[in-house]
Amino acid sequence: MTEEVCPKRSRPWVLAATILGSSIAFIDGSVVGVALPAMQRDLAASVREAQWIVNSYMLLLGALILIGGAAGDRFGRRRAFLLGLIVFTAASVACGLAPSSVMLIGARAVQGIGAALLVPSSLAIISAAFPEKERGRAIGTWAGASALTTALGPVLGGWLTDAWSWRAIFFINVPIAALAVGIALWHMPETRNPDAHGVDLFGGLLAVVGLGSLTYGLTVASEAGWIHTMVIAPLLFGAAVLAAFVWFEGRARAPMMPLPLFRNADFSGANAITLFLYFALSGELFFVPYDLISVQGYSAMAAGAAFLPFTLVMGLLSRWSGGLIERYGPRRLLIVGPTIVAVGFALLAVPGIGGSYWTTFFPPMLVLGFGMAVSVAPLTTTVMRGAEDRYAGVTSGINNATARVAGLLAVALLGSIAVGVFGSALDERLDRLQATAEVRSALQAEVPKLAEARVPKSIAPAQHEVLERALHESFVRSFRVVSLVAAALAALSAVVAWLTIHRK
């Protein structure tokens, strides 16, 4: 876009609108975690339903974000931005009013569709509105504001949940979105890519169906077992559909994921690192609020504040780590960074029940923040350098989608593992307590709720305290297993960096 198309006086308004619009998508990605235990209790949801409250959003966002960017290029970026805002806001209201977990899951899926239009359009609008010499500063401002809102999201969500209700975290999107829409209508000119081809809707459909089927199979495994038909059938179907997706993308006229990009070893390696590292991070951070709130006794706001060392260190040091790339090269940083992250996950496996935050959760959060700060900038740089400039938008979108899909699969798979470990650990403790068949049956029925499992009121009050302790100790064991799996995956991403990333 030339200066005449977007006057200089309008650029700050354009930047403000894109920051406001994309911020609500980023806040919703980080704020739901601390409110999830309250949602599960209020809606009497199982852990599988809680997983889908997170996964329905990530599924649609991860599978459709590339289509959202292409739609903006083809039909108009402002139009895609405004449509994304309206869809996201309407879905936010539906989330806040949801009377059941099923309705909340559906509304969260629609939020994901809105975010898939909103997020890629924001960056494209900034790139088009600002001349090249100002673009870096504008994108930096957008990224800094996004990091800040992501950091404040858990604290804000915890405060709203404690002071009012988890429903308030969705209603707060309405005034922010209204302000962004007003600014966009008044100050944001329309732009599009005149060379853009069609939108790969069929590819997007295959991605949603394949990933959705895979995720469904993984989440059902926590209750039905890995050899049940309800698990095996969706896993096989999902794998077949994803194989068809890859086949189709190799032949589509305007593919959402151009396969020739993966011929570059750095690009493929960086996306594999993203998959393993963000799988570990997203899966671990799904369970941390449960441990803090349901087992350690933190308030929702205190649980949100517990994440601040991680987000602040990551945000403040990312610029510094970016400066290390030219000195040491991305390969060394992508070996060292994920290794530090693996240490942070291993430290999260140490705390039991109780203890000061400063000696239990503060150290691993600090280590995780430092490790991710070392990793993120060289990871993004390697992805962007691994393809030609004309593919810049697509490469960024693929890497973003990879991170989202990693989180989607992590919550599903690690949730199944956690429920299995939780059930086994609870059996061991009930054996030691010589629990009656009635008590054992009542508590086993609570296993699918994981950290939100409670001693039923039908059991004699004299047994409540010891059985509550057994439930908490069982969850701590499952949390430790999840943390160690996450540590192993982070270490694996460092190995992938060593094997694939070019030495220069």
Protein backbone atom coordinates (compact mmCIF):
# COMPACT_ATOMS: atom_id res chain seq x y z
CA MET A 1 0.00 0.00 0.00
CA THR A 2 1.43 3.40 -0.84
CA GLU A 3 1.37 6.43 1.43
CA GLU A 4 -1.52 7.91 -0.59
CA VAL A 5 -3.65 4.82 0.06
CA CYS A 6 -2.96 4.90 3.81
CA PRO A 7 -2.25 8.50 4.89
CA LYS A 8 0.37 8.99 7.56
CA ARG A 9 -2.19 10.32 10.03
CA SER A 10 -4.18 7.08 9.75
CA ARG A 11 -1.29 4.69 10.43
CA PRO A 12 -1.36 4.98 14.25
CA TRP A 13 -5.10 4.25 14.15
CA VAL A 14 -4.55 1.25 11.88
CA LEU A 15 -1.91 -0.05 14.30
CA ALA A 16 -4.23 0.52 17.27
CA ALA A 17 -7.10 -1.34 15.59
CA THR A 18 -4.94 -4.36 14.71
CA ILE A 19 -3.49 -4.49 18.24
CA LEU A 20 -6.93 -4.33 19.83
CA GLY A 21 -8.37 -6.91 17.44
CA SER A 22 -5.61 -9.47 17.65
CA SER A 23 -5.22 -8.95 21.41
CA ILE A 24 -8.61 -10.44 22.18
CA ALA A 25 -7.60 -13.58 20.27
CA PHE A 26 -4.28 -13.79 22.14
CA ILE A 27 -5.92 -13.08 25.51
CA ASP A 28 -8.48 -15.82 24.93
CA GLY A 29 -5.66 -18.22 24.18
CA SER A 30 -4.03 -17.58 27.57
CA VAL A 31 -6.94 -16.61 29.81
CA VAL A 32 -9.04 -19.78 29.52
CA GLY A 33 -6.45 -21.96 31.26
CA VAL A 34 -6.82 -20.39 34.71
CA ALA A 35 -10.62 -20.31 34.39
CA LEU A 36 -10.89 -23.91 33.19
CA PRO A 37 -11.18 -25.51 36.67
CA ALA A 38 -14.06 -23.13 37.48
CA MET A 39 -15.73 -23.93 34.15
CA GLN A 40 -15.38 -27.66 34.79
CA ARG A 41 -16.92 -27.37 38.25
CA ASP A 42 -19.74 -25.05 37.21
CA LEU A 43 -20.72 -27.10 34.15
CA ALA A 44 -20.05 -30.51 35.80
CA ALA A 45 -17.76 -31.33 32.87
CA SER A 46 -15.43 -34.32 32.55
CA VAL A 47 -11.75 -33.83 31.74
CA ARG A 48 -12.57 -34.86 28.15
CA GLU A 49 -15.06 -31.99 27.87
CA ALA A 50 -12.56 -29.62 29.49
CA GLN A 51 -10.00 -30.67 26.88
CA TRP A 52 -12.46 -29.85 24.11
CA ILE A 53 -13.16 -26.42 25.58
CA VAL A 54 -9.51 -25.71 24.75
CA ASN A 55 -9.18 -27.95 21.70
CA SER A 56 -12.23 -26.80 19.74
CA TYR A 57 -10.72 -23.29 19.60
CA MET A 58 -7.23 -24.52 18.68
CA LEU A 59 -8.54 -26.99 16.11
CA LEU A 60 -10.37 -24.41 14.02
CA LEU A 61 -7.69 -21.74 14.48
CA GLY A 62 -4.81 -24.08 13.66
CA ALA A 63 -6.50 -25.71 10.67
CA LEU A 64 -7.93 -22.51 9.14
CA ILE A 65 -5.35 -19.81 9.88
CA LEU A 66 -3.70 -20.27 6.46
CA ILE A 67 -7.07 -20.01 4.75
CA GLY A 68 -7.82 -16.88 6.80
CA GLY A 69 -4.67 -15.20 5.50
CA ALA A 70 -5.40 -16.24 1.91
CA ALA A 71 -9.00 -15.00 2.19
CA GLY A 72 -7.76 -11.59 3.31
CA ASP A 73 -5.35 -11.37 0.37
CA ARG A 74 -8.05 -12.44 -2.07
CA PHE A 75 -11.18 -10.62 -0.85
CA GLY A 76 -9.77 -7.73 1.19
CA ARG A 77 -7.82 -7.63 4.42
CA ARG A 78 -10.00 -5.08 6.18
CA ARG A 79 -13.08 -7.10 5.23
CA ALA A 80 -11.52 -10.30 6.63
CA PHE A 81 -10.39 -8.43 9.78
CA LEU A 82 -13.86 -6.99 10.44
CA LEU A 83 -15.61 -10.29 9.70
CA GLY A 84 -13.20 -12.08 12.04
CA LEU A 85 -13.87 -9.52 14.78
CA ILE A 86 -17.64 -9.81 14.44
CA VAL A 87 -17.60 -13.63 14.39
CA PHE A 88 -15.18 -13.78 17.33
CA THR A 89 -17.21 -11.31 19.40
CA ALA A 90 -20.56 -12.99 18.73
CA ALA A 91 -19.01 -16.33 19.68
CA SER A 92 -17.56 -14.74 22.86
CA VAL A 93 -21.05 -13.69 23.93
CA ALA A 94 -22.29 -17.23 23.22
CA CYS A 95 -19.41 -18.59 25.36
CA GLY A 96 -20.36 -16.31 28.24
CA LEU A 97 -24.01 -17.40 28.07
CA ALA A 98 -23.33 -21.11 27.47
CA PRO A 99 -25.60 -23.23 29.74
CA SER A 100 -23.62 -26.45 29.18
CA SER A 101 -20.16 -27.69 28.28
CA VAL A 102 -21.40 -28.80 24.84
CA MET A 103 -22.65 -25.29 24.03
CA LEU A 104 -19.40 -23.79 25.30
CA ILE A 105 -17.34 -26.15 23.13
CA GLY A 106 -19.39 -25.19 20.06
CA ALA A 107 -19.05 -21.46 20.75
CA ARG A 108 -15.30 -21.86 21.28
CA ALA A 109 -15.06 -23.54 17.85
CA VAL A 110 -16.75 -20.52 16.26
CA GLN A 111 -14.29 -18.29 18.14
CA GLY A 112 -11.49 -20.25 16.45
CA ILE A 113 -12.99 -19.48 13.01
CA GLY A 114 -13.10 -15.78 13.87
CA ALA A 115 -9.51 -15.82 15.14
CA ALA A 116 -8.35 -17.60 11.96
CA LEU A 117 -9.57 -14.57 9.98
CA LEU A 118 -8.48 -12.02 12.56
CA VAL A 119 -4.87 -12.92 13.40
CA PRO A 120 -3.28 -13.26 9.92
CA SER A 121 -5.20 -10.22 8.63
CA SER A 122 -3.74 -8.07 11.43
CA LEU A 123 -0.14 -8.58 10.33
CA ALA A 124 -1.01 -8.29 6.64
CA ILE A 125 -2.78 -4.98 7.25
CA ILE A 126 0.24 -3.57 9.13
CA SER A 127 2.62 -4.70 6.37
CA ALA A 128 0.44 -3.04 3.75
CA ALA A 129 -0.24 0.19 5.68
CA PHE A 130 3.34 1.06 6.67
CA PRO A 131 6.22 1.80 4.29
CA GLU A 132 9.19 -0.54 4.53
CA LYS A 133 11.32 1.79 6.68
CA GLU A 134 8.54 2.02 9.31
CA ARG A 135 7.24 -1.53 9.04
CA GLY A 136 9.71 -3.18 11.41
CA ARG A 137 8.92 -0.75 14.22
CA ALA A 138 5.17 -1.15 13.66
CA ILE A 139 5.35 -4.96 13.68
CA GLY A 140 7.57 -4.77 16.77
CA THR A 141 4.97 -2.61 18.52
CA TRP A 142 2.24 -5.07 17.54
CA ALA A 143 4.31 -8.03 18.75
CA GLY A 144 5.19 -6.28 22.03
CA ALA A 145 1.56 -5.43 22.72
CA SER A 146 0.56 -9.01 21.89
CA ALA A 147 3.17 -10.38 24.29
CA LEU A 148 1.97 -7.99 27.01
CA THR A 149 -1.69 -8.96 26.62
CA THR A 150 -0.74 -12.64 26.57
CA ALA A 151 1.22 -12.13 29.80
CA LEU A 152 -1.59 -10.22 31.51
CA GLY A 153 -4.29 -12.61 30.25
CA PRO A 154 -3.97 -15.22 33.03
CA VAL A 155 -3.88 -12.54 35.76
CA LEU A 156 -6.90 -10.74 34.32
CA GLY A 157 -8.75 -14.03 33.82
CA GLY A 158 -8.00 -15.15 37.36
CA TRP A 159 -9.19 -11.84 38.81
CA LEU A 160 -12.42 -11.87 36.79
CA THR A 161 -13.06 -15.51 37.73
CA ASP A 162 -12.51 -14.84 41.44
CA ALA A 163 -14.37 -11.51 41.55
CA TRP A 164 -17.32 -12.40 39.28
CA SER A 165 -17.41 -15.55 37.18
CA TRP A 166 -15.50 -17.33 34.44
CA ARG A 167 -18.20 -16.01 32.10
CA ALA A 168 -16.80 -12.49 32.50
CA ILE A 169 -13.60 -13.42 30.63
CA PHE A 170 -15.66 -13.75 27.45
CA PHE A 171 -17.87 -10.69 27.92
CA ILE A 172 -14.83 -8.41 28.27
CA ASN A 173 -14.10 -9.05 24.58
CA VAL A 174 -17.21 -7.11 23.54
CA PRO A 175 -16.13 -3.51 24.33
CA ILE A 176 -12.59 -4.14 23.05
CA ALA A 177 -13.91 -5.54 19.77
CA ALA A 178 -16.43 -2.69 19.41
CA LEU A 179 -13.62 -0.14 19.72
CA ALA A 180 -11.50 -2.02 17.15
CA VAL A 181 -14.43 -2.19 14.70
CA GLY A 182 -15.10 1.54 15.09
CA ILE A 183 -11.46 2.46 14.42
CA ALA A 184 -11.23 0.09 11.46
CA LEU A 185 -14.38 1.46 9.82
CA TRP A 186 -13.21 5.04 10.31
CA HIS A 187 -9.48 4.89 9.57
CA MET A 188 -8.48 1.58 7.94
CA PRO A 189 -8.37 1.51 4.11
CA GLU A 190 -9.05 -1.70 2.22
CA THR A 191 -6.15 -3.61 0.61
CA ARG A 192 -5.79 -6.91 -1.18
CA ASN A 193 -3.21 -8.83 -3.18
CA PRO A 194 -4.11 -8.48 -6.88
CA ASP A 195 -2.07 -11.60 -7.70
CA ALA A 196 -3.81 -13.78 -5.10
CA HIS A 197 -5.40 -16.97 -6.42
CA GLY A 198 -8.39 -18.83 -5.00
CA VAL A 199 -8.80 -19.94 -1.40
CA ASP A 200 -8.03 -23.59 -0.62
CA LEU A 201 -11.35 -24.40 1.06
CA PHE A 202 -11.18 -28.13 0.36
CA GLY A 203 -7.69 -28.31 1.87
CA GLY A 204 -9.01 -26.51 4.94
CA LEU A 205 -11.92 -28.95 5.20
CA LEU A 206 -9.55 -31.92 5.02
CA ALA A 207 -7.32 -30.38 7.71
CA VAL A 208 -10.26 -29.76 10.07
CA VAL A 209 -11.74 -33.25 9.59
CA GLY A 210 -8.39 -35.03 9.85
CA LEU A 211 -7.14 -33.14 12.91
CA GLY A 212 -10.57 -33.24 14.53
CA SER A 213 -10.85 -37.01 14.11
CA LEU A 214 -7.33 -37.53 15.43
CA THR A 215 -8.00 -35.30 18.44
CA TYR A 216 -11.31 -37.04 19.18
CA GLY A 217 -9.62 -40.45 19.21
CA LEU A 218 -6.88 -39.23 21.55
CA THR A 219 -9.32 -37.67 24.02
CA VAL A 220 -11.68 -40.67 24.08
CA ALA A 221 -8.70 -42.91 24.91
CA SER A 222 -8.63 -41.47 28.44
CA GLU A 223 -12.00 -43.11 29.19
CA ALA A 224 -12.39 -45.98 26.70
CA GLY A 225 -8.81 -47.31 26.58
CA TRP A 226 -6.40 -47.38 23.65
CA ILE A 227 -7.68 -50.60 22.05
CA HIS A 228 -11.36 -49.60 21.95
CA THR A 229 -13.02 -49.24 18.55
CA MET A 230 -14.08 -45.67 19.45
CA VAL A 231 -10.37 -44.81 19.73
CA ILE A 232 -8.80 -46.87 16.94
CA ALA A 233 -11.40 -45.97 14.26
CA PRO A 234 -11.11 -42.15 14.57
CA LEU A 235 -7.31 -42.36 14.79
CA LEU A 236 -7.08 -44.40 11.60
CA PHE A 237 -9.67 -42.24 9.83
CA GLY A 238 -7.88 -39.04 10.91
CA ALA A 239 -4.52 -40.35 9.70
CA ALA A 240 -6.08 -41.33 6.34
CA VAL A 241 -7.70 -37.90 5.90
CA LEU A 242 -4.44 -36.11 6.76
CA ALA A 243 -2.63 -38.29 4.21
CA ALA A 244 -5.27 -37.23 1.66
CA PHE A 245 -4.69 -33.61 2.71
CA VAL A 246 -0.95 -33.91 1.95
CA TRP A 247 -1.73 -35.58 -1.40
CA PHE A 248 -4.23 -32.84 -2.31
CA GLU A 249 -1.86 -30.01 -1.30
CA GLY A 250 0.72 -31.39 -3.73
CA ARG A 251 -1.77 -30.98 -6.58
CA ALA A 252 -3.91 -27.97 -5.64
CA ARG A 253 -3.74 -24.81 -7.77
CA ALA A 254 -3.45 -22.54 -4.72
CA PRO A 255 -2.51 -24.84 -1.81
CA MET A 256 -2.75 -23.54 1.75
CA MET A 257 0.48 -25.45 2.48
CA PRO A 258 2.87 -25.52 -0.50
CA LEU A 259 4.82 -28.79 -0.12
CA PRO A 260 7.99 -27.64 -2.00
CA LEU A 261 8.79 -25.42 1.01
CA PHE A 262 9.58 -28.54 3.03
CA ARG A 263 12.45 -29.46 0.72
CA ASN A 264 14.53 -26.93 2.63
CA ALA A 265 16.11 -28.76 5.61
CA ASP A 266 16.15 -25.66 7.81
CA PHE A 267 12.45 -24.97 7.17
CA SER A 268 11.44 -28.59 7.81
CA GLY A 269 13.69 -28.84 10.86
CA ALA A 270 12.40 -25.60 12.36
CA ASN A 271 8.80 -26.74 11.97
CA ALA A 272 9.64 -30.12 13.55
CA ILE A 273 11.23 -28.24 16.48
CA THR A 274 8.08 -26.11 16.72
CA LEU A 275 5.91 -29.23 16.78
CA PHE A 276 7.81 -30.93 19.62
CA LEU A 277 8.55 -27.78 21.65
CA TYR A 278 5.03 -26.34 21.52
CA PHE A 279 3.49 -29.78 22.04
CA ALA A 280 5.43 -29.95 25.31
CA LEU A 281 4.69 -26.34 26.30
CA SER A 282 0.96 -26.35 25.50
CA GLY A 283 0.38 -29.72 27.13
CA GLU A 284 2.21 -28.75 30.31
CA LEU A 285 0.56 -25.35 30.64
CA PHE A 286 -2.87 -26.99 30.30
CA PHE A 287 -2.26 -28.92 33.54
CA VAL A 288 -0.40 -26.32 35.63
CA PRO A 289 -3.55 -24.30 36.56
CA TYR A 290 -5.27 -27.51 37.70
CA ASP A 291 -2.37 -28.33 39.97
CA LEU A 292 -2.17 -24.79 41.35
CA ILE A 293 -5.91 -24.27 41.92
CA SER A 294 -7.35 -27.71 42.64
CA VAL A 295 -4.43 -29.30 44.50
CA GLN A 296 -2.20 -26.51 45.84
CA GLY A 297 -5.16 -24.31 46.83
CA TYR A 298 -4.29 -21.17 44.84
CA SER A 299 -7.03 -18.74 43.89
CA ALA A 300 -7.61 -18.29 40.16
CA MET A 301 -5.91 -14.88 40.29
CA ALA A 302 -2.89 -16.25 42.18
CA ALA A 303 -2.62 -19.07 39.64
CA GLY A 304 -2.63 -16.51 36.82
CA ALA A 305 0.05 -14.47 38.60
CA ALA A 306 2.16 -17.62 38.96
CA PHE A 307 2.74 -17.52 35.19
CA LEU A 308 4.16 -13.96 35.23
CA PRO A 309 7.84 -14.96 35.63
CA PHE A 310 7.49 -17.17 32.54
CA THR A 311 5.76 -14.62 30.32
CA LEU A 312 7.73 -11.57 31.50
CA VAL A 313 11.15 -13.21 31.17
CA MET A 314 10.19 -14.58 27.77
CA GLY A 315 8.89 -11.20 26.58
CA LEU A 316 11.76 -9.09 27.97
CA LEU A 317 14.60 -11.34 26.78
CA SER A 318 13.30 -12.30 23.33
CA ARG A 319 14.77 -9.13 21.78
CA TRP A 320 18.11 -9.91 23.47
CA SER A 321 18.15 -13.46 22.16
CA GLY A 322 17.37 -12.16 18.69
CA GLY A 323 20.65 -10.26 18.81
CA LEU A 324 22.53 -13.49 19.54
CA ILE A 325 21.51 -15.04 16.22
CA GLU A 326 24.08 -13.17 14.13
CA ARG A 327 26.80 -13.90 16.69
CA TYR A 328 26.24 -17.60 17.34
CA GLY A 329 23.86 -18.68 14.57
CA PRO A 330 20.39 -20.14 15.16
CA ARG A 331 21.60 -23.76 15.40
CA ARG A 332 23.41 -23.33 18.73
CA LEU A 333 20.54 -21.35 20.21
CA LEU A 334 18.00 -23.95 19.08
CA ILE A 335 20.03 -26.63 20.85
CA VAL A 336 20.61 -24.66 24.05
CA GLY A 337 17.13 -23.06 24.33
CA PRO A 338 14.99 -26.23 24.20
CA THR A 339 17.49 -27.96 26.51
CA ILE A 340 16.88 -25.24 29.11
CA VAL A 341 13.13 -25.63 28.55
CA ALA A 342 13.50 -29.38 29.22
CA VAL A 343 15.18 -28.57 32.55
CA GLY A 344 12.25 -26.27 33.41
CA PHE A 345 9.71 -29.01 32.72
CA ALA A 346 11.74 -31.48 34.80
CA LEU A 347 11.73 -28.97 37.70
CA LEU A 348 7.92 -28.82 37.50
CA ALA A 349 7.88 -32.56 38.25
CA VAL A 350 9.54 -31.95 41.65
CA PRO A 351 6.90 -30.18 43.84
CA GLY A 352 4.52 -32.30 45.89
CA ILE A 353 1.54 -30.88 47.79
CA GLY A 354 2.13 -27.62 49.67
CA GLY A 355 5.27 -25.51 49.99
CA SER A 356 6.04 -21.89 49.16
CA TYR A 357 5.52 -20.71 45.59
CA TRP A 358 9.04 -19.25 45.60
CA THR A 359 10.65 -22.66 46.20
CA THR A 360 8.23 -24.84 44.20
CA PHE A 361 6.82 -23.18 41.05
CA PHE A 362 8.79 -19.93 40.74
CA PRO A 363 12.14 -21.56 39.78
CA PRO A 364 10.73 -23.72 36.95
CA MET A 365 8.66 -20.82 35.60
CA LEU A 366 11.81 -18.68 35.52
CA VAL A 367 13.81 -21.41 33.77
CA LEU A 368 11.00 -22.03 31.25
CA GLY A 369 10.76 -18.33 30.43
CA PHE A 370 14.52 -18.09 29.87
CA GLY A 371 14.60 -21.25 27.74
CA MET A 372 11.71 -20.10 25.54
CA ALA A 373 13.27 -16.62 25.21
CA VAL A 374 16.43 -18.24 23.85
CA SER A 375 14.38 -20.46 21.50
CA VAL A 376 11.63 -18.31 19.96
CA ALA A 377 13.58 -15.65 18.03
CA PRO A 378 16.02 -18.08 16.33
CA LEU A 379 13.14 -20.46 15.62
CA THR A 380 11.11 -17.75 13.86
CA THR A 381 14.20 -16.48 12.05
CA THR A 382 15.10 -19.96 10.80
CA VAL A 383 11.57 -20.51 9.49
CA MET A 384 11.52 -17.20 7.64
CA ARG A 385 15.02 -17.67 6.19
CA GLY A 386 14.15 -21.17 5.04
CA ALA A 387 11.93 -19.95 2.18
CA GLU A 388 11.92 -17.29 -0.51
CA ASP A 389 10.64 -13.83 0.37
CA ARG A 390 7.54 -14.28 -1.81
CA TYR A 391 6.46 -17.08 0.54
CA ALA A 392 6.94 -14.98 3.70
CA GLY A 393 3.25 -14.93 4.62
CA VAL A 394 2.78 -18.63 3.92
CA THR A 395 5.89 -19.70 5.86
CA SER A 396 4.86 -17.64 8.87
CA GLY A 397 1.34 -19.08 8.65
CA ILE A 398 2.58 -22.68 8.41
CA ASN A 399 4.77 -22.23 11.48
CA ASN A 400 1.92 -20.59 13.40
CA ALA A 401 -0.43 -23.39 12.39
CA THR A 402 2.17 -25.99 13.42
CA ALA A 403 2.37 -24.47 16.90
CA ARG A 404 -1.44 -24.44 17.22
CA VAL A 405 -1.80 -28.02 16.00
CA ALA A 406 0.95 -29.11 18.40
CA GLY A 407 -1.04 -27.62 21.28
CA LEU A 408 -4.23 -29.26 20.04
CA LEU A 409 -2.66 -32.74 19.94
CA ALA A 410 -0.79 -32.21 23.22
CA VAL A 411 -3.90 -31.44 25.26
CA ALA A 412 -5.64 -34.50 23.80
CA LEU A 413 -2.78 -37.01 24.14
CA LEU A 414 -1.32 -35.84 27.46
CA GLY A 415 -4.84 -35.63 28.87
CA SER A 416 -5.34 -39.32 28.08
CA ILE A 417 -1.99 -40.22 29.63
CA ALA A 418 -2.74 -38.15 32.75
CA VAL A 419 -6.13 -39.81 33.30
CA GLY A 420 -4.58 -43.27 32.95
CA VAL A 421 -1.79 -42.50 35.44
CA PHE A 422 -4.27 -40.83 37.80
CA GLY A 423 -6.51 -43.92 37.82
CA SER A 424 -3.60 -46.30 38.44
CA ALA A 425 -2.17 -44.15 41.23
CA LEU A 426 -5.59 -43.89 42.87
CA ASP A 427 -5.99 -47.69 42.76
CA GLU A 428 -2.67 -48.12 44.57
CA ARG A 429 -3.67 -45.70 47.32
CA LEU A 430 -7.11 -47.26 47.76
CA ASP A 431 -5.42 -50.66 48.08
CA ARG A 432 -3.18 -49.33 50.86
CA LEU A 433 -6.19 -47.77 52.57
CA GLN A 434 -8.10 -51.07 52.22
CA ALA A 435 -11.07 -49.16 50.82
CA THR A 436 -14.40 -50.90 50.53
CA ALA A 437 -15.88 -51.82 47.17
CA GLU A 438 -18.44 -49.01 47.59
CA VAL A 439 -15.77 -46.37 48.22
CA ARG A 440 -13.59 -47.69 45.39
CA SER A 441 -16.49 -47.60 42.92
CA ALA A 442 -17.50 -44.08 43.95
CA LEU A 443 -13.96 -42.71 43.54
CA GLN A 444 -13.26 -44.51 40.28
CA ALA A 445 -16.31 -42.75 38.84
CA GLU A 446 -14.53 -39.45 39.60
CA VAL A 447 -11.32 -40.38 37.71
CA PRO A 448 -12.40 -38.79 34.36
CA LYS A 449 -12.57 -35.41 36.18
CA LEU A 450 -8.85 -35.63 37.01
CA ALA A 451 -7.87 -32.72 39.33
CA GLU A 452 -11.55 -31.82 39.78
CA ALA A 453 -12.34 -35.29 41.18
CA ARG A 454 -14.08 -35.01 44.56
CA VAL A 455 -15.02 -37.41 47.34
CA PRO A 456 -18.78 -38.08 46.89
CA LYS A 457 -21.06 -36.90 49.71
CA SER A 458 -22.45 -40.44 50.03
CA ILE A 459 -19.16 -41.54 51.66
CA ALA A 460 -18.91 -41.20 55.45
CA PRO A 461 -17.52 -37.76 56.49
CA ALA A 462 -14.83 -39.42 58.65
CA GLN A 463 -13.17 -40.77 55.50
CA HIS A 464 -13.30 -37.56 53.48
CA GLU A 465 -9.96 -36.07 54.49
CA VAL A 466 -7.86 -39.16 53.84
CA LEU A 467 -9.62 -39.88 50.53
CA GLU A 468 -9.25 -36.24 49.42
CA ARG A 469 -5.54 -36.57 50.12
CA ALA A 470 -5.43 -39.75 48.04
CA LEU A 471 -7.05 -37.94 45.11
CA HIS A 472 -4.61 -35.03 45.32
CA GLU A 473 -1.56 -37.30 45.58
CA SER A 474 -2.78 -39.29 42.58
CA PHE A 475 -3.11 -36.13 40.52
CA VAL A 476 0.38 -35.00 41.54
CA ARG A 477 1.76 -38.27 40.20
CA SER A 478 -0.05 -37.81 36.87
CA PHE A 479 1.19 -34.20 36.71
CA ARG A 480 4.77 -35.41 37.28
CA VAL A 481 4.47 -37.91 34.43
CA VAL A 482 3.12 -35.18 32.11
CA SER A 483 6.00 -32.89 33.13
CA LEU A 484 8.60 -35.57 32.41
CA VAL A 485 7.01 -36.37 29.02
CA ALA A 486 7.14 -32.63 28.22
CA ALA A 487 10.81 -32.51 29.30
CA ALA A 488 11.62 -35.45 27.00
CA LEU A 489 9.88 -33.78 24.03
CA ALA A 490 11.70 -30.48 24.64
CA ALA A 491 15.00 -32.39 24.72
CA LEU A 492 13.95 -34.15 21.49
CA SER A 493 13.45 -30.76 19.82
CA ALA A 494 17.06 -29.88 20.75
CA VAL A 495 18.20 -33.14 19.09
CA VAL A 496 16.19 -32.25 15.96
CA ALA A 497 17.96 -28.86 15.87
CA TRP A 498 21.34 -30.58 16.12
CA LEU A 499 20.45 -32.93 13.26
CA THR A 500 18.67 -30.61 10.82
CA ILE A 501 19.59 -26.94 11.23
CA HIS A 502 22.46 -25.70 9.06
CA ARG A 503 25.64 -24.82 10.94
CA LYS A 504 26.05 -21.38 9.36
